[in-house]
């Protein structure tokens, strides 16, 4: 699977990623970002909730591409 960045200027091979995470804004005027390996920002979102929704979309696409092989850590 590949992921295309929000600005459509970067394509990432999902198989080479070790981590995708939500990075909180440093200052209030910035937005939450979804970053790969802690450094490459793929997109920016106004709220943490929206960023989480986008991460879940990535998980769903991955699950379909890999025949459902996704384990989600349960809540406490």
N, C-alpha and C. Protein backbone atom coordinates (compact mmCIF):
# COMPACT_ATOMS: atom_id res chain seq x y z
N UNK A 1 0.85 -1.18 0.00
CA UNK A 1 0.00 0.00 0.00
C UNK A 1 0.89 1.24 0.00
N UNK A 2 0.43 2.28 -0.66
CA UNK A 2 1.13 3.56 -0.62
C UNK A 2 0.23 4.61 0.03
N UNK A 3 0.85 5.63 0.58
CA UNK A 3 0.12 6.75 1.16
C UNK A 3 0.60 8.00 0.45
N UNK A 4 -0.33 8.81 -0.02
CA UNK A 4 -0.02 10.08 -0.68
C UNK A 4 -0.23 11.19 0.33
N UNK A 5 0.74 12.08 0.47
CA UNK A 5 0.64 13.17 1.44
C UNK A 5 -0.50 14.12 1.08
N UNK A 6 -0.93 14.89 2.07
CA UNK A 6 -2.03 15.82 1.90
C UNK A 6 -1.76 16.83 0.78
N UNK A 7 -0.51 17.28 0.66
CA UNK A 7 -0.17 18.25 -0.37
C UNK A 7 0.12 17.61 -1.73
N UNK A 8 0.00 16.28 -1.78
CA UNK A 8 0.18 15.50 -3.02
C UNK A 8 1.60 15.60 -3.58
N UNK A 9 2.58 15.90 -2.73
CA UNK A 9 3.96 16.02 -3.17
C UNK A 9 4.85 14.88 -2.69
N UNK A 10 4.31 13.97 -1.88
CA UNK A 10 5.09 12.86 -1.34
C UNK A 10 4.26 11.59 -1.38
N UNK A 11 4.90 10.50 -1.79
CA UNK A 11 4.28 9.18 -1.77
C UNK A 11 5.17 8.29 -0.91
N UNK A 12 4.55 7.58 0.03
CA UNK A 12 5.28 6.73 0.95
C UNK A 12 4.83 5.29 0.78
N UNK A 13 5.79 4.38 0.73
CA UNK A 13 5.50 2.95 0.71
C UNK A 13 5.20 2.53 2.15
N UNK A 14 3.99 2.10 2.40
CA UNK A 14 3.57 1.75 3.76
C UNK A 14 4.46 0.68 4.37
N UNK A 15 4.98 -0.22 3.58
CA UNK A 15 5.79 -1.32 4.09
C UNK A 15 7.12 -0.84 4.68
N UNK A 16 7.55 0.38 4.35
CA UNK A 16 8.83 0.89 4.86
C UNK A 16 8.65 1.78 6.10
N UNK A 17 7.43 1.91 6.58
CA UNK A 17 7.14 2.78 7.72
C UNK A 17 7.28 1.99 9.01
N UNK A 18 7.92 2.60 10.00
CA UNK A 18 8.00 1.96 11.31
C UNK A 18 7.01 2.56 12.29
N UNK A 19 6.57 3.81 12.04
CA UNK A 19 5.64 4.45 12.97
C UNK A 19 4.87 5.57 12.28
N UNK A 20 3.56 5.62 12.53
CA UNK A 20 2.72 6.74 12.12
C UNK A 20 2.09 7.26 13.40
N UNK A 21 2.21 8.55 13.65
CA UNK A 21 1.69 9.08 14.91
C UNK A 21 1.09 10.47 14.73
N UNK A 22 0.27 10.84 15.72
CA UNK A 22 -0.30 12.18 15.76
C UNK A 22 0.64 13.05 16.58
N UNK A 23 1.03 14.17 16.02
CA UNK A 23 1.91 15.11 16.70
C UNK A 23 1.09 16.33 17.08
N UNK A 24 1.02 16.65 18.38
CA UNK A 24 0.23 17.82 18.78
C UNK A 24 0.89 19.12 18.33
N UNK A 25 0.09 20.16 18.18
CA UNK A 25 0.66 21.45 17.76
C UNK A 25 1.61 22.00 18.82
N UNK A 26 2.67 22.64 18.36
CA UNK A 26 3.63 23.26 19.27
C UNK A 26 3.05 24.55 19.83
N UNK A 27 2.37 25.29 18.99
CA UNK A 27 1.72 26.53 19.39
C UNK A 27 0.27 26.47 18.93
N UNK A 28 -0.58 27.28 19.51
CA UNK A 28 -2.01 27.18 19.23
C UNK A 28 -2.39 27.44 17.78
N UNK A 29 -1.63 28.23 17.05
CA UNK A 29 -2.02 28.50 15.67
C UNK A 29 -1.71 27.34 14.73
N UNK A 30 -0.93 26.38 15.20
CA UNK A 30 -0.61 25.22 14.37
C UNK A 30 -1.68 24.15 14.53
N UNK A 31 -1.68 23.19 13.65
CA UNK A 31 -2.66 22.11 13.67
C UNK A 31 -1.97 20.80 14.06
N UNK A 32 -2.78 19.81 14.40
CA UNK A 32 -2.25 18.46 14.65
C UNK A 32 -1.74 17.90 13.33
N UNK A 33 -0.62 17.23 13.38
CA UNK A 33 -0.10 16.61 12.16
C UNK A 33 -0.07 15.11 12.32
N UNK A 34 -0.14 14.43 11.19
CA UNK A 34 0.10 12.99 11.16
C UNK A 34 1.48 12.83 10.56
N UNK A 35 2.36 12.22 11.34
CA UNK A 35 3.76 12.13 10.94
C UNK A 35 4.19 10.68 10.81
N UNK A 36 5.13 10.47 9.89
CA UNK A 36 5.71 9.15 9.68
C UNK A 36 7.10 9.14 10.30
N UNK A 37 7.34 8.12 11.11
CA UNK A 37 8.64 7.95 11.78
C UNK A 37 9.05 9.19 12.55
N UNK A 38 8.07 9.96 13.02
CA UNK A 38 8.33 11.11 13.87
C UNK A 38 8.89 12.34 13.19
N UNK A 39 9.00 12.31 11.85
CA UNK A 39 9.61 13.49 11.23
C UNK A 39 8.93 13.97 9.94
N UNK A 40 8.35 13.09 9.16
CA UNK A 40 7.75 13.49 7.89
C UNK A 40 6.25 13.69 8.07
N UNK A 41 5.80 14.94 7.98
CA UNK A 41 4.37 15.24 8.13
C UNK A 41 3.62 14.90 6.85
N UNK A 42 2.56 14.12 7.01
CA UNK A 42 1.73 13.75 5.86
C UNK A 42 0.53 14.65 5.68
N UNK A 43 0.04 15.20 6.78
CA UNK A 43 -1.14 16.05 6.70
C UNK A 43 -1.37 16.76 8.01
N UNK A 44 -2.21 17.80 7.97
CA UNK A 44 -2.50 18.62 9.14
C UNK A 44 -4.01 18.70 9.35
N UNK A 45 -4.42 18.65 10.63
CA UNK A 45 -5.84 18.63 10.96
C UNK A 45 -6.11 19.56 12.13
N UNK A 46 -7.28 20.18 12.13
CA UNK A 46 -7.63 21.17 13.15
C UNK A 46 -7.78 20.57 14.54
N UNK A 47 -8.25 19.33 14.61
CA UNK A 47 -8.49 18.71 15.92
C UNK A 47 -7.80 17.36 16.01
N UNK A 48 -7.55 16.95 17.25
CA UNK A 48 -6.98 15.63 17.48
C UNK A 48 -7.96 14.54 17.06
N UNK A 49 -9.24 14.80 17.26
CA UNK A 49 -10.26 13.82 16.88
C UNK A 49 -10.23 13.54 15.38
N UNK A 50 -10.10 14.60 14.58
CA UNK A 50 -10.03 14.41 13.12
C UNK A 50 -8.77 13.64 12.74
N UNK A 51 -7.66 13.96 13.38
CA UNK A 51 -6.41 13.24 13.11
C UNK A 51 -6.58 11.76 13.43
N UNK A 52 -7.28 11.44 14.53
CA UNK A 52 -7.53 10.05 14.89
C UNK A 52 -8.40 9.37 13.85
N UNK A 53 -9.39 10.08 13.33
CA UNK A 53 -10.24 9.52 12.27
C UNK A 53 -9.41 9.15 11.05
N UNK A 54 -8.49 10.02 10.68
CA UNK A 54 -7.64 9.76 9.51
C UNK A 54 -6.75 8.55 9.78
N UNK A 55 -6.19 8.44 10.97
CA UNK A 55 -5.39 7.26 11.31
C UNK A 55 -6.23 5.99 11.19
N UNK A 56 -7.48 6.04 11.64
CA UNK A 56 -8.36 4.88 11.53
C UNK A 56 -8.65 4.53 10.07
N UNK A 57 -8.75 5.53 9.20
CA UNK A 57 -8.92 5.27 7.77
C UNK A 57 -7.71 4.53 7.22
N UNK A 58 -6.52 4.93 7.64
CA UNK A 58 -5.30 4.25 7.20
C UNK A 58 -5.33 2.80 7.67
N UNK A 59 -5.74 2.57 8.92
CA UNK A 59 -5.83 1.21 9.45
C UNK A 59 -6.81 0.38 8.63
N UNK A 60 -7.98 0.95 8.31
CA UNK A 60 -8.97 0.21 7.52
C UNK A 60 -8.42 -0.15 6.13
N UNK A 61 -7.76 0.80 5.46
CA UNK A 61 -7.18 0.50 4.16
C UNK A 61 -6.12 -0.59 4.27
N UNK A 62 -5.30 -0.51 5.31
CA UNK A 62 -4.27 -1.52 5.52
C UNK A 62 -4.90 -2.89 5.75
N UNK A 63 -5.95 -2.93 6.57
CA UNK A 63 -6.62 -4.19 6.88
C UNK A 63 -7.18 -4.84 5.62
N UNK A 64 -7.78 -4.04 4.76
CA UNK A 64 -8.33 -4.57 3.51
C UNK A 64 -7.21 -5.09 2.61
N UNK A 65 -6.13 -4.33 2.50
CA UNK A 65 -5.02 -4.71 1.63
C UNK A 65 -4.29 -5.94 2.15
N UNK A 66 -4.34 -6.16 3.45
CA UNK A 66 -3.61 -7.28 4.06
C UNK A 66 -4.55 -8.31 4.69
N UNK A 67 -5.73 -8.43 4.14
CA UNK A 67 -6.71 -9.43 4.53
C UNK A 67 -7.01 -9.38 6.03
N UNK A 68 -7.21 -8.17 6.52
CA UNK A 68 -7.67 -8.01 7.89
C UNK A 68 -6.65 -8.24 8.98
N UNK A 69 -5.38 -8.27 8.67
CA UNK A 69 -4.37 -8.56 9.69
C UNK A 69 -3.98 -7.30 10.45
N UNK A 70 -4.87 -6.85 11.31
CA UNK A 70 -4.62 -5.66 12.14
C UNK A 70 -5.08 -5.97 13.55
N UNK A 71 -4.25 -5.69 14.53
CA UNK A 71 -4.64 -5.83 15.92
C UNK A 71 -4.64 -4.45 16.54
N UNK A 72 -5.77 -4.07 17.13
CA UNK A 72 -5.86 -2.77 17.80
C UNK A 72 -5.80 -2.99 19.30
N UNK A 73 -4.92 -2.27 19.98
CA UNK A 73 -4.77 -2.38 21.41
C UNK A 73 -6.08 -1.98 22.07
N UNK A 74 -6.58 -2.80 23.02
CA UNK A 74 -7.85 -2.47 23.69
C UNK A 74 -7.67 -1.35 24.71
N UNK A 75 -8.79 -0.69 25.03
CA UNK A 75 -8.79 0.30 26.10
C UNK A 75 -8.56 -0.41 27.42
N UNK A 76 -8.23 0.36 28.46
CA UNK A 76 -8.00 -0.20 29.79
C UNK A 76 -9.24 -0.84 30.34
